[in-house]
N, C-alpha and C. Protein backbone atom coordinates (compact mmCIF):
# COMPACT_ATOMS: atom_id res chain seq x y z
N MET A 1 1.12 -19.71 7.21
CA MET A 1 0.98 -19.56 5.90
C MET A 1 -0.42 -18.67 5.96
N SER A 2 -1.36 -18.41 6.75
CA SER A 2 -2.47 -17.69 6.44
C SER A 2 -1.62 -15.93 6.64
N GLU A 3 -0.76 -15.85 7.81
CA GLU A 3 -0.60 -14.39 7.87
C GLU A 3 -0.10 -13.84 6.30
N PHE A 4 0.68 -15.23 5.77
CA PHE A 4 1.35 -14.71 4.59
C PHE A 4 0.41 -14.04 3.31
N SER A 5 -0.62 -15.20 3.28
CA SER A 5 -1.92 -15.21 2.57
C SER A 5 -2.47 -13.73 2.71
N ASN A 6 -3.04 -13.46 3.61
CA ASN A 6 -3.18 -12.08 3.91
C ASN A 6 -2.57 -10.78 3.82
N ARG A 7 -1.40 -10.96 3.92
CA ARG A 7 -0.57 -9.73 3.50
C ARG A 7 -0.50 -9.91 2.28
N VAL A 8 -0.13 -10.64 1.28
CA VAL A 8 -0.07 -10.69 -0.04
C VAL A 8 -1.51 -10.53 -0.61
N ALA A 9 -2.66 -10.71 -0.03
CA ALA A 9 -3.87 -10.30 -0.47
C ALA A 9 -3.76 -8.45 -0.07
N ALA A 10 -3.29 -8.26 0.81
CA ALA A 10 -3.40 -6.82 1.30
C ALA A 10 -2.69 -5.91 0.17
N GLN A 11 -1.39 -6.48 -0.10
CA GLN A 11 -0.57 -5.86 -0.91
C GLN A 11 -1.24 -5.82 -2.56
N ARG A 12 -1.87 -6.74 -2.38
CA ARG A 12 -2.51 -6.92 -3.98
C ARG A 12 -3.72 -5.64 -4.09
N ARG A 13 -4.46 -5.80 -2.93
CA ARG A 13 -5.80 -4.93 -2.73
C ARG A 13 -4.96 -3.36 -2.95
N VAL A 14 -4.00 -2.97 -2.47
CA VAL A 14 -3.37 -1.64 -2.54
C VAL A 14 -3.08 -1.43 -4.05
N LEU A 15 -2.56 -2.50 -4.54
CA LEU A 15 -1.71 -2.09 -6.10
C LEU A 15 -3.43 -1.69 -6.94
N GLN A 16 -4.06 -2.71 -6.61
CA GLN A 16 -5.45 -2.84 -7.72
C GLN A 16 -6.35 -1.50 -7.23
N ILE A 17 -6.20 -1.35 -5.96
CA ILE A 17 -7.15 0.42 -6.27
C ILE A 17 -6.15 1.34 -6.72
N VAL A 18 -4.89 1.48 -6.32
CA VAL A 18 -4.13 2.47 -6.95
C VAL A 18 -4.21 2.33 -8.77
N ASN A 19 -4.02 1.20 -9.03
CA ASN A 19 -4.06 0.98 -10.52
C ASN A 19 -5.39 1.10 -11.22
N SER A 20 -6.43 1.08 -10.20
CA SER A 20 -8.14 1.58 -10.83
C SER A 20 -8.24 2.49 -11.71
N ARG A 21 -7.23 3.37 -11.52
CA ARG A 21 -7.42 5.03 -12.09
C ARG A 21 -6.50 4.65 -13.45
N GLU A 22 -6.59 5.40 -14.37
CA GLU A 22 -5.94 5.57 -15.59
C GLU A 22 -4.97 6.57 -15.35
N TRP A 23 -3.42 6.39 -15.40
CA TRP A 23 -2.48 6.82 -15.28
C TRP A 23 -1.57 7.51 -16.46
N ASN A 24 -1.37 8.63 -16.52
CA ASN A 24 -0.57 8.93 -17.66
C ASN A 24 0.46 8.53 -18.07
N GLY A 25 1.15 8.25 -16.92
CA GLY A 25 2.45 7.60 -16.61
C GLY A 25 2.45 5.87 -16.66
N GLU A 26 3.19 5.47 -15.59
CA GLU A 26 2.94 4.11 -15.03
C GLU A 26 2.35 3.82 -14.28
N ARG A 27 1.81 2.49 -14.34
CA ARG A 27 1.02 2.03 -13.19
C ARG A 27 2.09 1.98 -11.99
N LEU A 28 1.62 1.29 -10.68
CA LEU A 28 2.31 1.24 -9.61
C LEU A 28 2.86 -0.31 -9.66
N PHE A 29 3.77 -0.86 -9.76
CA PHE A 29 3.87 -1.97 -10.12
C PHE A 29 4.53 -2.81 -8.68
N GLY A 30 4.58 -2.04 -7.72
CA GLY A 30 5.08 -2.84 -6.10
C GLY A 30 5.21 -1.62 -5.24
N LEU A 31 5.01 -2.23 -4.38
CA LEU A 31 5.18 -1.20 -2.62
C LEU A 31 6.40 -0.97 -2.15
N SER A 32 7.73 -1.32 -3.19
CA SER A 32 9.16 -0.96 -2.61
C SER A 32 9.10 0.72 -2.84
N ARG A 33 10.29 1.29 -2.14
CA ARG A 33 10.66 2.56 -2.38
C ARG A 33 10.93 2.87 -3.61
N ASN A 34 11.89 2.09 -4.42
CA ASN A 34 11.97 2.24 -5.45
C ASN A 34 10.76 2.01 -6.92
N ALA A 35 9.83 1.39 -6.18
CA ALA A 35 8.61 1.77 -7.07
C ALA A 35 7.65 2.66 -7.06
N ILE A 36 7.57 2.94 -5.73
CA ILE A 36 6.51 4.13 -5.64
C ILE A 36 7.86 5.41 -6.10
N ASP A 37 8.75 5.55 -6.07
CA ASP A 37 9.18 6.49 -6.61
C ASP A 37 9.29 6.89 -8.22
N ARG A 38 9.38 5.64 -8.69
CA ARG A 38 9.43 5.48 -10.22
C ARG A 38 7.95 5.76 -10.23
N PHE A 39 6.71 5.09 -9.87
CA PHE A 39 5.39 5.83 -9.95
C PHE A 39 5.34 7.13 -9.70
N ALA A 40 5.75 8.01 -8.71
CA ALA A 40 5.40 9.39 -8.69
C ALA A 40 6.00 10.16 -9.65
N GLY A 41 7.28 9.59 -9.94
CA GLY A 41 7.88 10.45 -10.86
C GLY A 41 7.44 10.14 -12.38
N SER A 42 7.05 8.91 -12.78
CA SER A 42 6.34 8.92 -14.06
C SER A 42 5.04 9.70 -14.12
N ASN A 43 4.00 9.92 -13.18
CA ASN A 43 3.06 10.32 -13.49
C ASN A 43 2.96 11.58 -12.45
N ASN A 44 4.28 12.50 -12.30
CA ASN A 44 4.38 13.69 -12.04
C ASN A 44 3.62 13.84 -10.77
N LEU A 45 3.49 12.95 -9.42
CA LEU A 45 2.98 13.46 -8.45
C LEU A 45 3.59 14.00 -7.39
N ASP A 46 3.37 14.88 -6.80
CA ASP A 46 3.91 15.68 -5.73
C ASP A 46 4.31 14.91 -4.50
N PRO A 47 5.34 14.87 -4.03
CA PRO A 47 6.02 13.92 -3.12
C PRO A 47 5.20 14.34 -1.84
N THR A 48 4.58 15.14 -1.54
CA THR A 48 3.63 15.50 -0.49
C THR A 48 2.41 15.40 -0.74
N SER A 49 2.10 14.48 -1.61
CA SER A 49 0.17 14.33 -1.80
C SER A 49 -0.30 13.59 -0.83
N GLY A 50 -1.52 13.38 -0.79
CA GLY A 50 -2.23 12.59 0.41
C GLY A 50 -2.10 11.18 -0.15
N LEU A 51 -1.94 11.13 -1.39
CA LEU A 51 -2.00 9.72 -2.17
C LEU A 51 -0.55 8.81 -1.98
N LEU A 52 0.26 9.66 -2.21
CA LEU A 52 1.72 8.69 -1.88
C LEU A 52 1.96 8.77 -0.50
N LYS A 53 1.40 9.58 0.12
CA LYS A 53 1.72 9.07 1.65
C LYS A 53 1.04 8.13 1.97
N LEU A 54 -0.20 7.93 1.73
CA LEU A 54 -1.25 6.71 1.85
C LEU A 54 -0.34 5.36 1.28
N ILE A 55 0.15 5.45 0.08
CA ILE A 55 0.84 4.32 -0.46
C ILE A 55 2.02 4.02 0.54
N GLU A 56 2.87 5.26 0.60
CA GLU A 56 4.03 4.91 1.74
C GLU A 56 4.00 4.07 2.91
N SER A 57 2.85 4.77 3.62
CA SER A 57 2.45 4.29 4.88
C SER A 57 1.54 2.89 4.78
N ALA A 58 1.14 2.39 3.68
CA ALA A 58 0.50 1.15 3.43
C ALA A 58 2.11 0.30 3.36
N SER A 59 3.04 0.29 2.54
CA SER A 59 4.05 -0.28 2.32
C SER A 59 4.76 -0.34 3.50
N SER A 60 4.99 0.79 4.56
CA SER A 60 5.79 0.40 5.70
C SER A 60 5.20 -0.43 6.51
N LYS A 61 4.07 -0.44 6.98
CA LYS A 61 3.38 -1.32 7.42
C LYS A 61 3.21 -2.67 7.06
N LEU A 62 3.21 -2.97 5.78
CA LEU A 62 3.41 -4.26 4.97
C LEU A 62 4.54 -4.82 5.40
N PHE A 63 5.48 -4.01 5.36
CA PHE A 63 6.86 -4.53 5.48
C PHE A 63 7.48 -4.80 6.68
N PHE A 64 6.59 -4.23 7.58
CA PHE A 64 6.90 -4.71 8.92
C PHE A 64 6.12 -6.00 9.30
N LEU A 65 4.99 -5.91 8.89
CA LEU A 65 4.22 -7.31 8.80
C LEU A 65 5.01 -8.38 8.18
N ALA A 66 5.82 -8.20 6.96
CA ALA A 66 6.59 -9.44 6.43
C ALA A 66 7.48 -9.99 7.23
N ASN A 67 8.01 -8.93 8.36
CA ASN A 67 9.19 -9.21 9.10
C ASN A 67 8.94 -10.00 10.54
N LYS A 68 7.50 -9.80 10.68
CA LYS A 68 6.92 -10.58 11.94
C LYS A 68 6.24 -11.50 11.53
N SER A 69 5.94 -12.27 10.43
CA SER A 69 5.08 -13.15 9.99
C SER A 69 5.26 -14.59 10.38
N GLN A 70 6.59 -14.69 10.68
CA GLN A 70 6.70 -16.08 11.50
C GLN A 70 6.63 -16.12 12.66
N GLU A 71 6.44 -14.75 13.57
CA GLU A 71 6.49 -14.67 14.93
C GLU A 71 4.71 -15.12 15.22
N GLN A 72 4.45 -15.66 16.42
CA GLN A 72 2.94 -15.48 16.76
C GLN A 72 2.42 -14.36 16.77
N VAL A 73 1.10 -14.59 16.10
CA VAL A 73 0.14 -13.40 16.19
C VAL A 73 0.08 -12.55 17.25
N SER A 74 0.46 -11.51 17.14
CA SER A 74 0.50 -10.35 18.16
C SER A 74 -0.65 -9.56 18.04
N GLU A 75 -0.72 -8.46 19.24
CA GLU A 75 -2.09 -7.68 18.98
C GLU A 75 -1.63 -6.56 18.01
N GLU A 76 -0.04 -6.46 17.90
CA GLU A 76 0.46 -5.13 17.19
C GLU A 76 0.45 -5.99 15.93
N TYR A 77 0.68 -7.17 15.68
CA TYR A 77 0.29 -7.41 13.86
C TYR A 77 -1.35 -7.44 13.85
N GLU A 78 -1.94 -7.88 14.74
CA GLU A 78 -3.53 -7.53 14.16
C GLU A 78 -3.74 -6.09 13.89
N ALA A 79 -3.31 -5.16 14.64
CA ALA A 79 -3.73 -3.87 14.64
C ALA A 79 -3.10 -3.47 13.42
N LEU A 80 -1.60 -3.89 13.23
CA LEU A 80 -1.01 -3.30 11.76
C LEU A 80 -1.81 -3.71 10.57
N SER A 81 -2.19 -4.80 10.79
CA SER A 81 -3.36 -5.37 9.63
C SER A 81 -4.44 -4.89 9.35
N ALA A 82 -4.98 -4.39 10.44
CA ALA A 82 -6.19 -3.61 10.71
C ALA A 82 -6.09 -2.07 9.84
N ASP A 83 -4.98 -1.74 10.39
CA ASP A 83 -4.69 -0.35 9.48
C ASP A 83 -4.24 -0.24 8.15
N VAL A 84 -3.55 -1.33 7.30
CA VAL A 84 -3.76 -1.81 6.13
C VAL A 84 -4.68 -1.57 5.66
N ALA A 85 -5.72 -2.33 6.36
CA ALA A 85 -7.14 -2.36 5.88
C ALA A 85 -7.42 -1.14 5.40
N HIS A 86 -7.39 -0.43 6.48
CA HIS A 86 -8.30 1.26 6.63
C HIS A 86 -7.15 1.95 5.71
N ILE A 87 -6.38 1.55 5.74
CA ILE A 87 -5.05 2.64 4.50
C ILE A 87 -5.69 2.07 3.18
N ALA A 88 -6.36 1.02 2.91
CA ALA A 88 -6.72 0.89 1.51
C ALA A 88 -8.19 1.41 1.17
N ASP A 89 -8.79 1.20 2.20
CA ASP A 89 -10.06 2.02 2.26
C ASP A 89 -9.85 3.58 2.13
N GLU A 90 -9.18 4.37 2.51
CA GLU A 90 -8.57 5.77 2.34
C GLU A 90 -8.53 5.88 1.18
N LEU A 91 -7.51 4.75 0.48
CA LEU A 91 -6.78 5.11 -0.89
C LEU A 91 -7.98 5.00 -1.89
N GLU A 92 -9.25 4.53 -1.73
CA GLU A 92 -10.13 4.30 -2.74
C GLU A 92 -10.92 6.03 -2.74
N ILE A 93 -10.96 6.43 -1.19
CA ILE A 93 -11.37 7.53 -1.27
C ILE A 93 -10.59 8.93 -1.60
N GLU A 94 -9.17 8.92 -1.40
CA GLU A 94 -8.51 9.61 -2.06
C GLU A 94 -8.56 9.81 -3.59
N LEU A 95 -8.20 8.75 -4.14
CA LEU A 95 -8.37 8.24 -5.60
C LEU A 95 -9.57 9.08 -6.25
N ARG A 96 -10.81 9.09 -5.53
CA ARG A 96 -12.22 9.57 -6.09
C ARG A 96 -12.34 11.05 -6.33
N SER A 97 -11.14 11.80 -5.25
CA SER A 97 -11.10 13.25 -5.67
C SER A 97 -9.73 13.35 -6.41
N PHE A 98 -8.93 12.69 -7.10
CA PHE A 98 -7.49 12.71 -7.85
C PHE A 98 -8.08 13.06 -8.98
């Protein structure tokens, strides 16, 4: 259950960071492909922007972690968890210049 809680906390952190900024369109409501596309379109964001690339990277790593959460915690799982935390830090920096 700890891995699940950590994954949910990581998802929540990414969403809170992105939504800490006032957006002209909609906020980011999830990390699915559809939610990210809707957020990008609603806010007229360049699909190649650093912000979207970071969000997409966090999304894909969290998806992988979701599929591995029932397995024994491996070095790969721990590394991906650390990657997501690093991406969240990068998102905070990226949003300062946005």
